Amino acid sequence: MTGAVLIPAAAAPAPVIGTRVTEIVSPPGGAPPAGGPSDDTTYAQDTGVARDDPTGGPRPADHDVTFSQDNRKVRYVAYDSSASNLVAGDANGKRDVIVMKRNAPGTGQITGSLSLGSVSSSGEQGNGDSIKPSLDGLSTLGQDAVAPHCLTFQSQATNLSPADTSSDWDVYLHDLDSGRTTLVSKGRENATDGVVDGYCRRVSFAAGGRVWVYDVAQGTARRVGRGSHPDLQTNGEGVAFDRGGQVYYQPLSEHREKVRRSGGRQLVSNSATNAKRGGNGVSSDPNLDNDGVYVVFESTATDLCLSRCRGISEDRNGATRDVFRRTLRQSPSGGPDEMEMVSYDAGTDTQGDLQSDQVHVSGHGEQAVFRSFAKNLRDLKFDGPPSDGPFMHVYFWNFPRERGAGNLSGESKCCRTGEFHLADGRPAFSWSPAISNRGTFVGFTSREENESGEANGQAVPDAFVRFMGLSDE
């Protein structure tokens, strides 16, 4: 990788296995604070324009922090940042994708060396903004295990590939081992939301109102269908996407060494009262597990849980946005598990009273993370001082198959107690959560001050990684 700067591992000792602790990764290990925000408050997922959120401020986009999908090791962490002092020689004055190669993969230690991932094959820095990284790696054991080495991202740069001379968004694939950068969205305008599978064989993306899947070996892209905001399952054999206010899933296969659709498209966000009809609200932003068993998404629909979600049937907050998990095939637990409300805490029988969104699922579907503005969840899951808010926190949903119910915990905090806050004591905003394949790590962006290594103030949001302890997945 080009432009790497080593952050000494000794600067941040590894947490004790089993404890939960959060550390800054922009930069890691107590290095000088970032000179610019390590998040993406400028671009929304669909249009490139910031959207409003219930706090009255811009809604930050997703996909700031991402993890390589290699079992518990998690060799790489990536995020985008406009800071110019994270990697030596960063002089392009643009938002870049930063890759952290961890010093001690397989442990709870959150330190590593940083490099620029959004570069050309010759190492040239992009002359336009680059955002939304995605990493490969496969969470299996034995001969099928795949070490991560591929990074996808979207960029407005015109100097990353000779085939791209326009400043619209394009999707690129960068090989972290060889340094080669490939234009994935060749011939497509305003390509966004690139996601690489665990084998680095396929990349999904959206362009021109269509969902595409790029075959890395063939160097060609195949159209899957109309839609946006696609997510590719880790094994590459299915893609979920938005279409007409609903979420759909399309299985994929290979024929004569070329990727193709396999079978019919499946409606994910279907109504509990009519399986062939979409829910009575807008559903969007799907995220898939390893094998296409589970997909999570956000929705304003009020009829998704009726008589089928565990612990809750009637949607108690009306058309307020919630997050859900749909089971696409027979649940591994063998029981009824067609739909679950992720923004519902079974332990206290509480549904979030304000918007929940930005949901991501672990590789085996038992865990998820999401952002919520809910006051009742904050009061239940954080032990901060009394406050009327507003709140923007990150939550962790744990749904062990043997228990058959999902419980929540608040995770946008430094340690096991408290909550991230500003220097004046007000609760800090945290957003854009991500989860590693085994649920061992959670990543997010926050404006918190003076905790977990933060030293540049609330005006400069930073990227954080939280060690969750060893997973039982």
Protein backbone atom coordinates (compact mmCIF):
# COMPACT_ATOMS: atom_id res chain seq x y z
CA MET A 1 0.00 0.00 0.00
CA THR A 2 1.23 3.51 -0.74
CA GLY A 3 1.99 6.25 1.73
CA ALA A 4 1.81 4.09 4.86
CA VAL A 5 2.65 5.59 8.24
CA LEU A 6 3.08 3.26 11.18
CA ILE A 7 1.24 4.01 14.41
CA PRO A 8 3.07 2.23 17.27
CA ALA A 9 1.03 -0.56 18.79
CA ALA A 10 2.37 0.26 22.24
CA ALA A 11 0.53 3.57 22.24
CA ALA A 12 -2.78 1.83 22.94
CA PRO A 13 -2.64 -1.41 24.93
CA ALA A 14 -5.08 -4.16 24.02
CA PRO A 15 -8.24 -4.31 26.12
CA VAL A 16 -8.87 -7.34 28.26
CA ILE A 17 -10.78 -9.96 26.27
CA GLY A 18 -14.45 -9.73 27.19
CA THR A 19 -14.44 -6.01 28.01
CA ARG A 20 -16.00 -3.39 25.76
CA VAL A 21 -13.86 -0.39 24.92
CA THR A 22 -13.87 2.25 22.14
CA GLU A 23 -10.78 3.75 20.49
CA ILE A 24 -10.34 6.44 17.88
CA VAL A 25 -8.94 5.24 14.52
CA SER A 26 -8.62 8.63 12.82
CA PRO A 27 -5.79 8.24 13.74
CA PRO A 28 -5.25 5.22 16.02
CA GLY A 29 -2.87 4.87 18.92
CA GLY A 30 -2.56 8.41 20.25
CA ALA A 31 -1.03 10.02 17.13
CA PRO A 32 -1.68 13.75 16.49
CA PRO A 33 -5.43 14.42 15.97
CA ALA A 34 -6.91 14.54 12.50
CA GLY A 35 -6.99 17.92 10.84
CA GLY A 36 -10.30 17.29 9.11
CA PRO A 37 -13.50 15.29 9.59
CA SER A 38 -13.28 11.52 9.23
CA ASP A 39 -16.87 10.98 8.25
CA ASP A 40 -19.10 11.85 5.35
CA THR A 41 -21.46 14.67 6.27
CA THR A 42 -21.54 16.07 2.75
CA TYR A 43 -22.92 13.19 0.72
CA ALA A 44 -26.15 11.29 1.16
CA GLN A 45 -26.38 7.78 -0.28
CA ASP A 46 -28.65 8.56 -3.18
CA THR A 47 -28.14 12.09 -4.52
CA GLY A 48 -24.87 13.42 -3.14
CA VAL A 49 -26.78 16.04 -1.14
CA ALA A 50 -27.13 15.99 2.64
CA ARG A 51 -30.60 14.99 3.84
CA ASP A 52 -32.39 16.25 6.92
CA ASP A 53 -32.67 14.26 10.13
CA PRO A 54 -34.94 14.71 13.21
CA THR A 55 -32.31 16.82 15.00
CA GLY A 56 -32.65 19.58 12.43
CA GLY A 57 -29.14 19.07 11.03
CA PRO A 58 -27.83 17.31 7.92
CA ARG A 59 -28.28 13.55 7.86
CA PRO A 60 -24.81 12.04 7.45
CA ALA A 61 -24.40 9.30 4.88
CA ASP A 62 -23.64 5.68 5.65
CA HIS A 63 -20.52 3.59 5.11
CA ASP A 64 -17.86 5.67 6.86
CA VAL A 65 -16.20 2.79 8.74
CA THR A 66 -16.04 -0.70 7.27
CA PHE A 67 -14.26 -3.94 8.20
CA SER A 68 -12.65 -6.74 6.25
CA GLN A 69 -14.86 -9.81 6.51
CA ASP A 70 -12.22 -12.35 7.59
CA ASN A 71 -13.64 -14.16 10.59
CA ARG A 72 -12.48 -12.73 13.94
CA LYS A 73 -9.15 -11.48 12.57
CA VAL A 74 -10.41 -8.27 10.91
CA ARG A 75 -7.08 -7.44 9.29
CA TYR A 76 -8.30 -4.16 7.81
CA VAL A 77 -10.51 -1.22 8.78
CA ALA A 78 -11.38 1.49 6.24
CA TYR A 79 -13.13 4.85 6.35
CA ASP A 80 -13.21 8.09 4.37
CA SER A 81 -11.75 11.36 5.62
CA SER A 82 -10.91 14.87 4.48
CA ALA A 83 -8.03 15.11 6.96
CA SER A 84 -4.66 15.70 5.30
CA ASN A 85 -2.48 14.69 8.27
CA LEU A 86 -3.48 11.03 8.71
CA VAL A 87 -1.14 9.69 6.00
CA ALA A 88 2.24 11.24 5.22
CA GLY A 89 2.26 12.96 1.83
CA ASP A 90 -1.51 13.37 1.52
CA ALA A 91 -1.58 16.57 -0.52
CA ASN A 92 -4.63 16.37 -2.78
CA GLY A 93 -6.94 18.46 -0.60
CA LYS A 94 -9.77 15.97 -1.22
CA ARG A 95 -11.68 13.40 0.79
CA ASP A 96 -9.81 10.11 0.68
CA VAL A 97 -10.42 6.52 1.64
CA ILE A 98 -8.09 5.60 4.52
CA VAL A 99 -7.13 1.97 5.14
CA MET A 100 -5.85 0.81 8.53
CA LYS A 101 -3.92 -2.46 8.52
CA ARG A 102 -4.22 -3.72 12.07
CA ASN A 103 -1.04 -4.49 13.99
CA ALA A 104 -2.55 -7.45 15.84
CA PRO A 105 -5.47 -9.00 13.92
CA GLY A 106 -7.39 -11.58 15.89
CA THR A 107 -7.10 -9.59 19.15
CA GLY A 108 -9.00 -6.71 20.70
CA GLN A 109 -6.15 -4.29 20.01
CA ILE A 110 -7.26 -1.31 17.91
CA THR A 111 -4.03 0.04 16.39
CA GLY A 112 -2.40 -0.18 13.00
CA SER A 113 -0.70 1.53 10.07
CA LEU A 114 -2.63 3.91 7.83
CA SER A 115 -2.44 4.29 4.04
CA LEU A 116 -4.45 5.86 1.24
CA GLY A 117 -6.71 3.37 -0.51
CA SER A 118 -8.23 5.74 -3.09
CA VAL A 119 -5.19 5.91 -5.37
CA SER A 120 -4.39 4.90 -8.95
CA SER A 121 -2.35 1.86 -9.91
CA SER A 122 0.74 4.08 -9.91
CA GLY A 123 -0.06 5.44 -6.45
CA GLU A 124 -1.33 8.82 -7.66
CA GLN A 125 -3.76 10.45 -5.25
CA GLY A 126 -7.27 11.12 -6.51
CA ASN A 127 -8.06 14.64 -7.75
CA GLY A 128 -11.67 14.29 -6.57
CA ASP A 129 -13.46 13.14 -3.43
CA SER A 130 -13.53 9.39 -2.66
CA ILE A 131 -16.01 7.86 -0.20
CA LYS A 132 -17.88 4.68 0.88
CA PRO A 133 -15.22 1.97 1.20
CA SER A 134 -16.03 -1.75 1.14
CA LEU A 135 -13.57 -4.57 1.98
CA ASP A 136 -13.51 -8.26 1.08
CA GLY A 137 -12.44 -11.35 3.06
CA LEU A 138 -14.48 -14.43 3.89
CA SER A 139 -15.39 -15.63 7.37
CA THR A 140 -14.77 -19.36 6.92
CA LEU A 141 -12.24 -21.87 8.22
CA GLY A 142 -9.97 -24.27 6.37
CA GLN A 143 -9.21 -24.26 2.66
CA ASP A 144 -12.09 -21.93 1.79
CA ALA A 145 -10.84 -19.11 4.01
CA VAL A 146 -9.99 -15.97 2.02
CA ALA A 147 -7.54 -13.33 3.26
CA PRO A 148 -8.77 -9.81 2.46
CA HIS A 149 -6.99 -7.84 -0.24
CA CYS A 150 -9.66 -5.90 -2.15
CA LEU A 151 -11.15 -2.47 -1.51
CA THR A 152 -13.98 -0.82 -3.43
CA PHE A 153 -14.96 2.83 -3.19
CA GLN A 154 -16.75 5.52 -5.20
CA SER A 155 -14.93 8.59 -6.42
CA GLN A 156 -15.27 11.78 -8.44
CA ALA A 157 -11.57 11.68 -9.34
CA THR A 158 -10.64 11.72 -13.02
CA ASN A 159 -7.06 10.46 -12.64
CA LEU A 160 -7.52 7.01 -11.11
CA SER A 161 -8.05 5.23 -14.45
CA PRO A 162 -7.33 6.21 -18.08
CA ALA A 163 -10.86 5.00 -18.87
CA ASP A 164 -12.45 7.69 -16.67
CA THR A 165 -12.16 11.35 -17.60
CA SER A 166 -15.45 12.69 -16.21
CA SER A 167 -16.01 14.06 -12.70
CA ASP A 168 -19.23 12.16 -12.03
CA TRP A 169 -19.23 9.36 -9.45
CA ASP A 170 -17.58 6.09 -10.44
CA VAL A 171 -16.86 2.85 -8.58
CA TYR A 172 -13.30 1.49 -8.34
CA LEU A 173 -11.67 -1.71 -7.14
CA HIS A 174 -8.21 -1.40 -5.53
CA ASP A 175 -6.03 -4.44 -4.81
CA LEU A 176 -4.28 -3.86 -1.49
CA ASP A 177 -1.58 -6.42 -2.34
CA SER A 178 -0.67 -5.50 -5.91
CA GLY A 179 -1.70 -1.84 -5.79
CA ARG A 180 -3.71 -2.17 -9.01
CA THR A 181 -6.81 0.02 -9.34
CA THR A 182 -9.61 -0.93 -11.76
CA LEU A 183 -12.58 1.13 -12.95
CA VAL A 184 -15.58 -1.10 -12.22
CA SER A 185 -18.31 1.19 -13.56
CA LYS A 186 -16.80 1.76 -17.02
CA GLY A 187 -19.31 3.39 -19.36
CA ARG A 188 -21.81 4.13 -16.56
CA GLU A 189 -22.71 7.61 -15.32
CA ASN A 190 -22.93 8.48 -11.61
CA ALA A 191 -22.16 5.00 -10.31
CA THR A 192 -22.51 4.69 -6.52
CA ASP A 193 -22.66 2.27 -3.58
CA GLY A 194 -19.98 -0.22 -4.62
CA VAL A 195 -19.78 -3.39 -2.49
CA VAL A 196 -17.23 -6.19 -3.01
CA ASP A 197 -17.96 -9.79 -2.06
CA GLY A 198 -15.80 -11.87 0.27
CA TYR A 199 -13.88 -13.62 -2.53
CA CYS A 200 -13.24 -10.41 -4.50
CA ARG A 201 -15.04 -12.05 -7.43
CA ARG A 202 -17.98 -9.66 -7.76
CA VAL A 203 -18.81 -6.01 -7.08
CA SER A 204 -22.36 -4.65 -6.96
CA PHE A 205 -23.13 -0.99 -7.67
CA ALA A 206 -25.93 1.30 -8.86
CA ALA A 207 -25.93 3.50 -11.96
CA GLY A 208 -28.61 4.98 -14.21
CA GLY A 209 -31.45 3.73 -12.04
CA ARG A 210 -30.18 0.14 -12.40
CA VAL A 211 -28.35 -2.35 -10.19
CA TRP A 212 -25.23 -3.90 -11.71
CA VAL A 213 -22.90 -6.74 -10.74
CA TYR A 214 -19.32 -6.61 -11.99
CA ASP A 215 -17.41 -9.84 -12.63
CA VAL A 216 -13.81 -9.22 -11.56
CA ALA A 217 -12.30 -12.07 -13.61
CA GLN A 218 -14.23 -11.20 -16.79
CA GLY A 219 -13.96 -7.44 -16.37
CA THR A 220 -17.61 -6.97 -17.33
CA ALA A 221 -20.76 -5.76 -15.56
CA ARG A 222 -24.20 -7.36 -15.87
CA ARG A 223 -27.44 -5.54 -15.22
CA VAL A 224 -29.53 -7.13 -12.45
CA GLY A 225 -32.58 -4.91 -12.76
CA ARG A 226 -34.05 -1.53 -11.87
CA GLY A 227 -33.14 -0.29 -8.40
CA SER A 228 -30.71 1.57 -6.17
CA HIS A 229 -28.69 1.20 -2.94
CA PRO A 230 -27.58 -2.40 -3.61
CA ASP A 231 -25.79 -4.62 -1.12
CA LEU A 232 -24.03 -7.85 -2.08
CA GLN A 233 -24.05 -10.79 0.32
CA THR A 234 -20.58 -11.86 1.46
CA ASN A 235 -20.43 -15.03 -0.65
CA GLY A 236 -21.48 -13.04 -3.75
CA GLU A 237 -24.50 -15.20 -4.54
CA GLY A 238 -27.24 -12.62 -4.04
CA VAL A 239 -27.92 -8.87 -4.03
CA ALA A 240 -30.56 -6.79 -2.22
CA PHE A 241 -31.67 -3.34 -3.38
CA ASP A 242 -34.37 -0.63 -3.27
CA ARG A 243 -37.02 -0.40 -5.94
CA GLY A 244 -40.18 1.69 -5.90
CA GLY A 245 -40.14 2.22 -2.15
CA GLN A 246 -39.65 -1.49 -1.34
CA VAL A 247 -36.66 -3.79 -0.78
CA TYR A 248 -36.02 -6.77 -3.06
CA TYR A 249 -33.57 -9.67 -3.18
CA GLN A 250 -32.15 -11.26 -6.35
CA PRO A 251 -30.21 -14.57 -6.19
CA LEU A 252 -27.16 -14.80 -8.46
CA SER A 253 -25.34 -17.71 -10.08
CA GLU A 254 -22.65 -18.35 -12.67
CA HIS A 255 -23.20 -19.66 -16.20
CA ARG A 256 -20.28 -20.25 -18.57
CA GLU A 257 -18.09 -18.36 -16.11
CA LYS A 258 -20.36 -15.30 -16.22
CA VAL A 259 -22.57 -13.96 -13.43
CA ARG A 260 -26.31 -14.03 -14.05
CA ARG A 261 -29.65 -13.83 -12.23
CA SER A 262 -30.79 -17.12 -10.73
CA GLY A 263 -34.53 -17.48 -10.26
CA GLY A 264 -37.05 -14.78 -9.55
CA ARG A 265 -36.77 -11.57 -7.58
CA GLN A 266 -38.06 -11.81 -3.99
CA LEU A 267 -39.94 -9.06 -2.16
CA VAL A 268 -38.22 -8.53 1.20
CA SER A 269 -40.30 -5.73 2.76
CA ASN A 270 -43.64 -7.48 2.38
CA SER A 271 -46.72 -6.79 4.43
CA ALA A 272 -47.57 -9.22 7.23
CA THR A 273 -51.16 -9.27 5.98
CA ASN A 274 -50.32 -10.03 2.33
CA ALA A 275 -46.98 -11.65 1.49
CA LYS A 276 -47.22 -10.59 -2.16
CA ARG A 277 -47.70 -6.92 -1.33
CA GLY A 278 -45.12 -4.44 -0.08
CA GLY A 279 -45.45 -2.82 3.32
CA ASN A 280 -47.57 0.32 3.67
CA GLY A 281 -44.55 2.63 3.97
CA VAL A 282 -41.19 3.28 2.30
CA SER A 283 -38.52 0.61 2.86
CA SER A 284 -34.87 1.10 1.85
CA ASP A 285 -31.14 0.63 2.45
CA PRO A 286 -30.80 -3.17 2.73
CA ASN A 287 -27.76 -4.94 4.17
CA LEU A 288 -27.16 -8.69 3.71
CA ASP A 289 -25.44 -11.38 5.77
CA ASN A 290 -22.91 -13.94 4.46
CA ASP A 291 -25.24 -16.37 2.72
CA GLY A 292 -28.46 -14.56 1.87
CA VAL A 293 -30.41 -15.92 4.84
CA TYR A 294 -30.98 -12.55 6.49
CA VAL A 295 -31.36 -8.99 5.21
CA VAL A 296 -31.84 -5.90 7.39
CA PHE A 297 -33.41 -2.67 6.18
CA GLU A 298 -35.16 0.49 7.38
CA SER A 299 -38.84 1.27 6.85
CA THR A 300 -41.70 3.62 7.70
CA ALA A 301 -44.23 0.80 7.17
CA THR A 302 -46.53 -0.07 10.07
CA ASP A 303 -47.69 -3.49 8.84
CA LEU A 304 -44.47 -5.50 8.75
CA CYS A 305 -44.72 -7.02 12.23
CA LEU A 306 -48.39 -7.87 12.61
CA SER A 307 -48.53 -11.31 14.25
CA ARG A 308 -45.05 -12.28 13.04
CA CYS A 309 -42.35 -10.28 14.91
CA ARG A 310 -41.34 -11.77 18.25
CA GLY A 311 -42.45 -9.70 21.21
CA ILE A 312 -44.13 -6.98 19.18
CA SER A 313 -47.00 -7.02 16.70
CA GLU A 314 -48.48 -3.52 16.45
CA ASP A 315 -46.08 -0.76 15.40
CA ARG A 316 -46.22 1.53 18.45
CA ASN A 317 -44.61 4.64 16.96
CA GLY A 318 -46.72 4.79 13.81
CA ALA A 319 -45.04 5.76 10.56
CA THR A 320 -41.77 6.66 12.28
CA ARG A 321 -38.81 4.93 10.62
CA ASP A 322 -37.72 1.64 12.25
CA VAL A 323 -35.21 -1.07 11.35
CA PHE A 324 -36.07 -4.70 10.60
CA ARG A 325 -34.51 -8.07 9.84
CA ARG A 326 -36.17 -10.34 7.27
CA THR A 327 -35.42 -14.07 7.05
CA LEU A 328 -35.27 -15.03 3.37
CA ARG A 329 -34.91 -18.78 3.86
CA GLN A 330 -35.67 -21.25 6.64
CA SER A 331 -34.25 -19.88 9.89
CA PRO A 332 -31.25 -21.91 11.14
CA SER A 333 -33.05 -22.11 14.48
CA GLY A 334 -35.87 -23.99 12.77
CA GLY A 335 -38.56 -21.81 14.34
CA PRO A 336 -40.86 -19.11 12.95
CA ASP A 337 -38.61 -16.13 12.28
CA GLU A 338 -39.87 -14.41 9.15
CA MET A 339 -39.55 -10.80 10.35
CA GLU A 340 -38.04 -9.13 13.41
CA MET A 341 -37.99 -5.49 14.51
CA VAL A 342 -34.37 -4.64 15.25
CA SER A 343 -35.23 -1.32 16.92
CA TYR A 344 -37.23 -3.22 19.57
CA ASP A 345 -35.75 -4.37 22.88
CA ALA A 346 -37.40 -7.62 24.00
CA GLY A 347 -35.85 -7.46 27.47
CA THR A 348 -37.78 -4.30 28.36
CA ASP A 349 -40.58 -4.59 25.76
CA THR A 350 -39.58 -1.20 24.30
CA GLN A 351 -39.75 0.09 20.74
CA GLY A 352 -37.78 3.23 19.92
CA ASP A 353 -40.00 6.32 20.09
CA LEU A 354 -38.13 8.26 17.38
CA GLN A 355 -36.43 7.41 14.08
CA SER A 356 -34.03 4.46 13.78
CA ASP A 357 -32.02 3.83 10.60
CA GLN A 358 -28.57 3.02 9.13
CA VAL A 359 -28.77 -0.68 10.05
CA HIS A 360 -26.03 -3.25 9.30
CA VAL A 361 -26.02 -6.98 10.07
CA SER A 362 -23.27 -9.41 11.07
CA GLY A 363 -22.16 -12.28 8.86
CA HIS A 364 -24.44 -14.88 10.45
CA GLY A 365 -27.35 -12.52 11.07
CA GLU A 366 -27.57 -12.82 14.85
CA GLN A 367 -26.35 -9.29 15.51
CA ALA A 368 -26.90 -5.86 14.01
CA VAL A 369 -26.05 -2.21 14.66
CA PHE A 370 -28.11 0.87 13.90
CA ARG A 371 -28.45 4.58 14.63
CA SER A 372 -31.39 5.95 16.58
CA PHE A 373 -32.71 9.30 17.79
CA ALA A 374 -35.00 7.57 20.31
CA LYS A 375 -35.16 9.18 23.75
CA ASN A 376 -36.66 6.14 25.45
CA LEU A 377 -33.86 3.88 24.20
CA ARG A 378 -31.24 6.37 25.34
CA ASP A 379 -32.76 6.54 28.81
CA LEU A 380 -32.83 2.73 29.02
CA LYS A 381 -29.49 1.83 27.45
CA PHE A 382 -27.16 4.67 28.49
CA ASP A 383 -26.53 5.81 32.06
CA GLY A 384 -25.78 9.43 31.21
CA PRO A 385 -27.21 12.35 33.20
CA PRO A 386 -30.88 13.34 32.66
CA SER A 387 -31.33 15.19 29.39
CA ASP A 388 -34.12 16.12 26.99
CA GLY A 389 -31.82 15.58 24.03
CA PRO A 390 -31.73 15.61 21.09
CA PHE A 391 -29.95 12.25 20.87
CA MET A 392 -28.20 10.38 18.08
CA HIS A 393 -26.72 7.13 19.38
CA VAL A 394 -25.46 3.78 18.07
CA TYR A 395 -27.15 0.59 19.30
CA PHE A 396 -26.22 -3.10 19.13
CA TRP A 397 -28.94 -5.75 18.61
CA ASN A 398 -28.17 -9.26 19.82
CA PHE A 399 -30.50 -12.08 18.75
CA PRO A 400 -29.01 -15.48 19.70
CA ARG A 401 -30.92 -18.23 17.93
CA GLU A 402 -31.18 -20.26 21.10
CA ARG A 403 -32.88 -17.34 22.89
CA GLY A 404 -35.17 -16.35 20.05
CA ALA A 405 -35.45 -12.71 21.11
CA GLY A 406 -33.47 -9.55 20.43
CA ASN A 407 -32.03 -7.30 23.13
CA LEU A 408 -30.41 -3.91 22.67
CA SER A 409 -27.35 -2.26 24.18
CA GLY A 410 -26.10 1.30 23.70
CA GLU A 411 -22.57 1.35 22.26
CA SER A 412 -21.63 4.96 21.40
CA LYS A 413 -19.57 5.34 24.57
CA CYS A 414 -15.98 4.87 25.63
CA CYS A 415 -16.27 1.98 28.07
CA ARG A 416 -19.02 -0.13 29.61
CA THR A 417 -20.85 2.81 31.17
CA GLY A 418 -21.77 6.42 30.34
CA GLU A 419 -22.33 7.82 26.85
CA PHE A 420 -20.25 9.84 24.43
CA HIS A 421 -20.68 13.52 25.24
CA LEU A 422 -19.38 16.97 24.36
CA ALA A 423 -17.06 19.04 26.54
CA ASP A 424 -20.04 20.94 27.96
CA GLY A 425 -21.72 17.69 29.06
CA ARG A 426 -24.38 17.45 26.36
CA PRO A 427 -24.79 14.05 24.66
CA ALA A 428 -22.67 13.78 21.49
CA PHE A 429 -24.08 12.73 18.13
CA SER A 430 -22.82 9.38 16.76
CA TRP A 431 -23.81 7.88 13.41
CA SER A 432 -22.94 5.65 10.43
CA PRO A 433 -22.50 2.39 12.36
CA ALA A 434 -20.83 -0.71 10.92
CA ILE A 435 -20.28 -4.21 12.29
CA SER A 436 -17.55 -6.76 11.63
CA ASN A 437 -18.45 -10.17 10.26
CA ARG A 438 -18.44 -11.94 13.64
CA GLY A 439 -19.73 -8.95 15.60
CA THR A 440 -16.38 -8.58 17.36
CA PHE A 441 -16.06 -4.91 16.41
CA VAL A 442 -18.46 -2.02 15.84
CA GLY A 443 -17.42 1.12 13.99
CA PHE A 444 -19.06 4.54 13.80
CA THR A 445 -18.46 8.28 13.49
CA SER A 446 -18.94 10.69 16.40
CA ARG A 447 -18.57 14.33 17.41
CA GLU A 448 -17.70 13.36 21.00
CA GLU A 449 -14.97 15.28 22.84
CA ASN A 450 -12.13 14.25 25.15
CA GLU A 451 -12.75 10.49 25.30
CA SER A 452 -11.31 7.41 23.58
CA GLY A 453 -8.31 9.37 22.28
CA GLU A 454 -10.30 12.26 20.75
CA ALA A 455 -8.45 15.61 20.84
CA ASN A 456 -9.65 17.80 17.95
CA GLY A 457 -13.06 19.00 19.16
CA GLN A 458 -16.65 18.48 18.06
CA ALA A 459 -16.21 20.48 14.85
CA VAL A 460 -14.10 17.62 13.48
CA PRO A 461 -16.00 14.32 13.61
CA ASP A 462 -13.80 11.25 14.03
CA ALA A 463 -14.02 7.56 13.22
CA PHE A 464 -14.12 5.11 16.13
CA VAL A 465 -13.93 1.34 16.54
CA ARG A 466 -15.44 -0.40 19.56
CA PHE A 467 -14.23 -3.85 20.66
CA MET A 468 -17.24 -5.92 21.70
CA GLY A 469 -15.48 -8.99 23.09
CA LEU A 470 -15.39 -12.41 21.48
CA SER A 471 -18.53 -13.35 19.53
CA ASP A 472 -20.52 -16.54 19.95
CA GLU A 473 -21.45 -16.59 16.24
